[in-house]
């Protein structure tokens, strides 16, 4: 009986004193982890690379607001939002195929539940088997941000987890 009471007291204290900031973001949506997913796909036969980034929408909106002092409503698709997204992704994410920087062109974005997917494409000059990714998405806004990277070289996949402040990974196929 005493063990049960002790467990209940501990549980009560944890719930009472656990900081709300761990579970509630600025707009009230709850997510205790701060993660993004970046997916790179290189098709050597076409020499095309696609880039997809998935970020929590509220975190992305906050980062864009802090950087540009412009409130972003992703339900409205216009050139201002497209430029903000492009500039943010380009300044916080770099991809190198061999020693050549990959210059991505913005394709668009879409909302999926509480996340925003951003899409980019590029032609690569050489389909080098070394792909370096520099990813600091949301690092300037969230100290505990984690960025997962999935890199495909044709059908071969490698994945890696970057945790702030680590921001670079070399994939070798």
Protein backbone atom coordinates (compact mmCIF):
# COMPACT_ATOMS: atom_id res chain seq x y z
CA UNK A 1 0.00 0.00 0.00
CA UNK A 2 2.83 2.43 0.83
CA UNK A 3 4.50 1.83 -2.54
CA UNK A 4 1.28 2.67 -4.35
CA UNK A 5 0.92 5.93 -2.37
CA UNK A 6 4.55 6.83 -3.03
CA UNK A 7 4.12 6.27 -6.78
CA UNK A 8 0.98 8.42 -6.79
CA UNK A 9 2.79 11.23 -4.92
CA UNK A 10 5.71 11.12 -7.34
CA UNK A 11 3.36 11.15 -10.32
CA UNK A 12 1.47 14.09 -8.87
CA UNK A 13 4.70 16.06 -8.32
CA UNK A 14 5.94 15.34 -11.82
CA UNK A 15 2.68 16.49 -13.37
CA UNK A 16 2.44 19.54 -11.13
CA UNK A 17 5.99 20.77 -11.59
CA UNK A 18 6.73 19.72 -15.17
CA UNK A 19 7.22 22.88 -17.22
CA UNK A 20 4.40 23.52 -19.66
CA UNK A 21 6.91 24.79 -22.22
CA UNK A 22 8.01 21.22 -22.82
CA UNK A 23 4.57 20.32 -24.09
CA UNK A 24 2.96 23.44 -25.49
CA UNK A 25 4.20 25.59 -28.32
CA UNK A 26 3.42 29.27 -28.84
CA UNK A 27 0.05 28.65 -30.50
CA UNK A 28 -1.11 26.06 -27.99
CA UNK A 29 -0.41 23.01 -30.13
CA UNK A 30 1.35 20.36 -28.12
CA UNK A 31 4.52 18.69 -29.34
CA UNK A 32 7.24 17.79 -26.85
CA UNK A 33 9.92 17.20 -29.48
CA UNK A 34 11.35 19.64 -31.98
CA UNK A 35 12.25 17.78 -35.15
CA UNK A 36 12.41 18.25 -38.88
CA UNK A 37 12.86 15.73 -41.64
CA UNK A 38 14.92 16.46 -44.74
CA UNK A 39 14.84 14.04 -47.63
CA UNK A 40 17.30 14.17 -50.53
CA UNK A 41 16.91 11.96 -53.59
CA UNK A 42 19.58 11.80 -56.29
CA UNK A 43 18.70 10.00 -59.51
CA UNK A 44 21.99 9.45 -61.36
CA UNK A 45 20.29 8.48 -64.63
CA UNK A 46 18.57 11.88 -64.91
CA UNK A 47 21.13 13.81 -62.81
CA UNK A 48 18.25 15.32 -60.85
CA UNK A 49 18.08 15.85 -57.13
CA UNK A 50 14.92 16.50 -55.17
CA UNK A 51 14.81 18.05 -51.71
CA UNK A 52 11.87 17.83 -49.31
CA UNK A 53 11.79 19.40 -45.85
CA UNK A 54 9.13 18.70 -43.23
CA UNK A 55 8.88 21.12 -40.30
CA UNK A 56 6.28 21.73 -37.61
CA UNK A 57 4.22 24.57 -39.07
CA UNK A 58 4.03 26.62 -35.86
CA UNK A 59 7.79 26.43 -35.33
CA UNK A 60 8.46 27.37 -38.95
CA UNK A 61 6.03 30.30 -38.76
CA UNK A 62 7.68 31.55 -35.58
CA UNK A 63 11.17 31.29 -37.09
CA UNK A 64 10.07 33.17 -40.21
CA UNK A 65 8.40 35.86 -38.09
CA UNK A 66 11.47 36.32 -35.87
CA UNK A 67 13.70 36.60 -38.92
CA UNK A 68 11.49 38.76 -41.17
CA UNK A 69 8.90 40.36 -38.84
CA UNK A 70 6.17 39.07 -41.16
CA UNK A 71 3.36 36.80 -40.00
CA UNK A 72 3.09 33.83 -42.32
CA UNK A 73 -0.19 32.07 -43.03
CA UNK A 74 0.69 28.93 -44.97
CA UNK A 75 -2.94 28.45 -46.00
CA UNK A 76 -2.45 31.41 -48.35
CA UNK A 77 -0.11 30.66 -51.22
CA UNK A 78 1.51 33.76 -52.63
CA UNK A 79 4.89 34.96 -53.87
CA UNK A 80 5.77 36.67 -50.57
CA UNK A 81 5.45 33.40 -48.63
CA UNK A 82 7.25 31.49 -51.39
CA UNK A 83 10.17 33.94 -51.20
CA UNK A 84 10.32 33.74 -47.39
CA UNK A 85 10.34 29.92 -47.51
CA UNK A 86 12.96 29.84 -50.28
CA UNK A 87 15.25 32.32 -48.53
CA UNK A 88 14.98 30.56 -45.17
CA UNK A 89 15.63 27.06 -46.53
CA UNK A 90 18.49 28.27 -48.76
CA UNK A 91 20.19 30.05 -45.86
CA UNK A 92 19.82 27.14 -43.41
CA UNK A 93 20.32 24.13 -45.67
CA UNK A 94 23.17 23.49 -48.10
CA UNK A 95 23.84 20.40 -50.20
CA UNK A 96 27.07 19.56 -51.98
CA UNK A 97 27.45 16.78 -54.54
CA UNK A 98 31.17 16.15 -54.38
CA UNK A 99 32.61 19.66 -54.14
CA UNK A 100 29.84 21.24 -56.22
CA UNK A 101 27.11 23.17 -54.35
CA UNK A 102 23.65 22.10 -55.48
CA UNK A 103 21.45 25.07 -56.44
CA UNK A 104 17.86 24.15 -55.76
CA UNK A 105 14.81 25.73 -57.36
CA UNK A 106 11.69 26.16 -55.29
CA UNK A 107 8.77 23.94 -56.33
CA UNK A 108 6.22 24.67 -53.59
CA UNK A 109 4.92 23.69 -50.20
CA UNK A 110 1.95 21.92 -48.69
CA UNK A 111 0.43 21.52 -45.24
CA UNK A 112 0.10 18.02 -43.80
CA UNK A 113 -1.69 18.08 -40.44
CA UNK A 114 0.63 20.07 -38.09
CA UNK A 115 3.57 20.09 -40.50
CA UNK A 116 4.64 21.97 -43.60
CA UNK A 117 6.43 20.18 -46.45
CA UNK A 118 8.69 22.35 -48.65
CA UNK A 119 9.83 21.05 -52.04
CA UNK A 120 12.84 21.90 -54.20
CA UNK A 121 14.53 20.40 -57.30
CA UNK A 122 17.94 20.71 -58.95
CA UNK A 123 20.03 19.45 -61.82
CA UNK A 124 23.41 18.14 -60.69
CA UNK A 125 26.52 18.44 -62.84
CA UNK A 126 28.10 15.25 -61.58
CA UNK A 127 26.48 12.39 -59.71
CA UNK A 128 29.30 12.14 -57.17
CA UNK A 129 28.99 9.40 -54.54
CA UNK A 130 29.76 11.88 -51.76
CA UNK A 131 26.89 14.13 -50.69
CA UNK A 132 27.49 16.66 -47.92
CA UNK A 133 24.51 18.21 -46.15
CA UNK A 134 24.67 21.31 -43.96
CA UNK A 135 21.38 21.61 -42.09
CA UNK A 136 20.65 24.16 -39.37
CA UNK A 137 16.88 24.43 -39.89
CA UNK A 138 15.26 26.06 -36.83
CA UNK A 139 18.56 26.00 -34.87
CA UNK A 140 18.43 29.77 -34.44
CA UNK A 141 15.00 29.45 -32.85
CA UNK A 142 15.00 26.15 -30.92
CA UNK A 143 18.00 25.01 -28.86
CA UNK A 144 16.77 21.41 -28.69
CA UNK A 145 16.03 21.10 -32.43
CA UNK A 146 16.83 17.76 -34.08
CA UNK A 147 17.02 17.41 -37.85
CA UNK A 148 16.73 13.99 -39.45
CA UNK A 149 18.22 13.55 -42.91
CA UNK A 150 17.34 10.75 -45.31
CA UNK A 151 19.65 10.68 -48.31
CA UNK A 152 18.96 8.47 -51.31
CA UNK A 153 21.52 7.72 -53.98
CA UNK A 154 19.28 6.06 -56.57
CA UNK A 155 17.61 3.40 -54.39
CA UNK A 156 20.26 3.26 -51.67
CA UNK A 157 19.23 5.08 -48.49
CA UNK A 158 21.32 6.41 -45.62
CA UNK A 159 19.92 8.35 -42.68
CA UNK A 160 21.40 10.51 -39.96
CA UNK A 161 20.24 12.55 -36.99
CA UNK A 162 21.68 16.02 -36.41
CA UNK A 163 21.08 17.57 -33.00
CA UNK A 164 21.68 21.28 -32.45
CA UNK A 165 24.45 22.50 -32.72
CA UNK A 166 25.72 19.67 -34.99
CA UNK A 167 24.81 20.76 -38.52
CA UNK A 168 26.81 18.78 -41.06
CA UNK A 169 26.87 15.22 -42.39
CA UNK A 170 28.83 13.61 -45.23
CA UNK A 171 27.05 10.69 -46.89
CA UNK A 172 29.28 8.32 -48.87
CA UNK A 173 27.70 5.75 -51.19
